[in-house]
Amino acid sequence: MKKSIIFAVVAFCILSMTQTACVQAFSVSTSPPYYAMSAPPGQSFSLPIKITNLKDPFNAQLSIQKLVVVDEQGSLSLEPLAEEHAVHFFIRGDDEIQTDKPFLFRTQSSHTITLDVYIDREANENDYYYALVAEAVGSQDQTRGLHISLQPAIAVPLFISVAQNEIPYKAKTVFFKPRDRRFDAIVRLGDNVYIADSLEPLKLVYTLANTGIHRFETMTKLSTRFASPLFTKKNEIALKKTAILPSTQKMLHDTDNADNDFTSELPRKILGMYTVESATTIGDGNAVLFEHITIVIFPFSVIILLIVVVLSILIYRKSHTSTTKIPRGRTSIFMKK
């Protein structure tokens, strides 16, 4: 029994030592969540956008970038504007920030950004996709003695349809119809672009797509303000394909592709109940299907410890029962005829 207890303690300590290094993440909300409009060539207007930092302070640099489709699945990426483009932007900040250089985006602070937009008179009738990007620059995560460069960005999508017969500022549905969901920002993580719901930051994440059917899931620990991704296939939890990175918010996309390569391990010491929310976009994204799964996840070390404890109890009970003798003068009821 003593050896089993010692083995359990040693196993728990060894398995608990491994810890995944995580990059610090940001949570920024915007109002309105995006702009989608139609306007004729030669039109000019201003768009007010309020951005709020919900988490840690960081140095932010504002810019206008172009949303570009990068693969057949409809994933989008952000690219710098070309010298010649149909829509021109001028960014104006409030009294506290200057938009032409990085500024300190403090925790729980808000800034109102004004975009002056001018559509070129020679612009072709087409749909143009841009984003106001607040990108972290010159920051490092120094937790656990690590120094990791940060490269997340928050972007407000700007969908502008240029057409001669359109009424200026007319809202139109682009890519998706969110129904009762309110989206606040596009989050750029790596080379992919996602839309996140800021009511519960990063709880439900979409990849923008203009064709096809795409599945993607995220996992959020209850009563927390961060989300972690969970790979699922046909509503079956596949732990071998699981990536749980609470701090990096690394999102999985297009999970219908079974060949996706996710090498991240399940971090230790992550214990609790999680809600998995999946969404499937059909066709051009106007139809969105929601599914909800609630699971309980224990860290591997806890599972091993529980197994060792249970086995130790069973072995102890078996050894104790086998050495128990029947007192003299008494006869077992099973020996009576």
Foldseek 3Di string as FASTA:
>chain_A
DVVLVVVLVVLLVVLQVDFDDAFFDWFKFKPPQAAAWEDAAFDKDKDKMKMWTADAKFWWAKDKWFWDQDDPQAWTFTHHDDPDDQKDKDKDWDPPDDRHGIDIRHHGDMIMIMIIMHGHNPDDFAKTKMWIKTWGPPDFDCPPNDTDDDTKIKIHMYIYGYDRPGDGRHGDDALADPVPARWTTWIDAPGGIWIFGSVQTRQDIDGRHFFDKKKFKWKQFPPDRFIFGFQDDPPHGDQVQGAGRRRRSDTDIRSPPVPDDDDHHDGAPDWHKMKMWMWMAHGSHHDIDIDIDIDTDHGPSVVVSVVSVVVVVVVVVVVVVVPDDDDPPDDDPVPDD
